[in-house]
Protein backbone atom coordinates (compact mmCIF):
# COMPACT_ATOMS: atom_id res chain seq x y z
CA GLU A 1 -34.05 1.79 -13.27
CA PRO A 2 -33.21 5.34 -12.12
CA ASN A 3 -35.83 7.02 -9.92
CA THR A 4 -36.50 10.33 -11.97
CA ASN A 5 -38.03 11.54 -8.96
CA SER A 6 -34.90 11.05 -6.67
CA ASP A 7 -34.01 14.58 -4.90
CA ILE A 8 -30.20 13.56 -4.89
CA LEU A 9 -30.38 12.74 -8.75
CA ASN A 10 -32.15 16.15 -9.53
CA THR A 11 -29.49 18.19 -7.18
CA MET A 12 -26.63 16.32 -9.07
CA LYS A 13 -28.06 16.86 -12.61
CA GLU A 14 -28.54 20.64 -11.71
CA VAL A 15 -24.99 20.72 -10.25
CA TYR A 16 -23.36 18.85 -13.16
CA ASN A 17 -25.39 21.39 -15.67
CA ASN A 18 -24.50 24.41 -13.78
CA LYS A 19 -20.63 23.21 -13.49
CA TYR A 20 -20.06 21.63 -17.10
CA GLY A 21 -22.86 23.35 -19.06
CA LYS A 22 -24.58 20.25 -20.03
CA VAL A 23 -27.20 18.01 -18.76
CA PRO A 24 -25.32 14.60 -17.61
CA GLU A 25 -26.24 11.41 -19.22
CA VAL A 26 -28.48 9.16 -16.84
CA LYS A 27 -28.10 5.63 -17.02
CA VAL A 28 -28.00 2.18 -15.25
CA ILE A 29 -24.61 0.49 -15.68
CA HIS A 30 -22.77 -2.31 -13.90
CA ALA A 31 -21.17 0.08 -11.55
CA GLY A 32 -24.87 0.81 -9.88
CA LEU A 33 -25.15 -2.72 -8.86
CA GLU A 34 -24.55 -1.72 -5.21
CA CYS A 35 -27.55 0.60 -5.44
CA GLY A 36 -29.66 -2.06 -6.57
CA ILE A 37 -28.85 -4.55 -3.84
CA LEU A 38 -28.81 -1.84 -1.08
CA GLY A 39 -32.13 -0.44 -2.54
CA ALA A 40 -33.82 -4.05 -2.25
CA THR A 41 -33.09 -4.10 1.53
CA TYR A 42 -33.59 -0.54 2.08
CA PRO A 43 -36.22 0.89 -0.33
CA ASN A 44 -36.71 4.35 0.90
CA TRP A 45 -33.03 5.13 0.68
CA ASP A 46 -32.35 7.91 -2.01
CA MET A 47 -29.16 6.72 -3.56
CA ILE A 48 -27.00 7.30 -6.50
CA SER A 49 -23.74 5.86 -7.76
CA PHE A 50 -21.20 7.82 -9.75
CA GLY A 51 -17.36 8.11 -10.09
CA PRO A 52 -14.61 8.29 -12.24
CA THR A 53 -14.16 6.36 -15.31
CA ILE A 54 -13.04 2.81 -14.64
CA ARG A 55 -12.29 0.14 -17.52
CA PHE A 56 -12.37 -3.74 -16.53
CA PRO A 57 -14.20 -3.26 -13.35
CA HIS A 58 -13.69 -6.19 -10.71
CA SER A 59 -10.85 -7.84 -12.70
CA PRO A 60 -7.17 -8.26 -12.38
CA ASP A 61 -6.91 -5.74 -15.43
CA GLU A 62 -9.18 -2.70 -13.61
CA LYS A 63 -7.97 0.53 -14.53
CA ILE A 64 -9.16 4.09 -13.64
CA LYS A 65 -8.78 6.70 -16.15
CA ILE A 66 -6.52 9.21 -14.12
CA GLU A 67 -7.64 12.44 -15.90
CA THR A 68 -11.43 11.59 -14.48
CA VAL A 69 -10.69 11.56 -11.13
CA GLY A 70 -10.02 15.34 -10.47
CA LYS A 71 -13.65 15.94 -12.28
CA PHE A 72 -15.22 13.64 -10.06
CA TRP A 73 -13.79 14.97 -6.99
CA ASP A 74 -14.52 18.62 -7.84
CA TYR A 75 -18.15 17.30 -8.64
CA LEU A 76 -18.86 15.43 -5.60
CA VAL A 77 -17.51 18.59 -3.47
CA GLU A 78 -19.74 21.00 -5.18
CA THR A 79 -22.95 18.38 -4.94
CA LEU A 80 -22.14 18.16 -1.28
CA LYS A 81 -22.48 21.84 -0.91
CA ASN A 82 -25.71 21.98 -2.87
CA ILE A 83 -27.76 19.23 -1.08
CA PRO A 84 -30.53 20.61 0.45
CA ALA A 85 -31.31 20.62 4.31
CA LYS A 86 -33.96 17.83 5.22
CA SER A 87 -36.82 19.40 7.10
């Protein structure tokens, strides 16, 4: 389950809303598997998994929806600009 109190999640939701004019959909999907595995070992880490649209992941038919890569990259860069400094 997503940590709704996550600093990075809240920052990314705000950035997405400001950049694209809508609140992003937050959900647990297969692509977030790594966060679950790492979170079990490092429970205090604040993590998020996101990326471009991928179809048939982890299979010989894996494909990326090319037109989603630029949006993902722009969102990542904007997010990095908005991560608050830790005190």
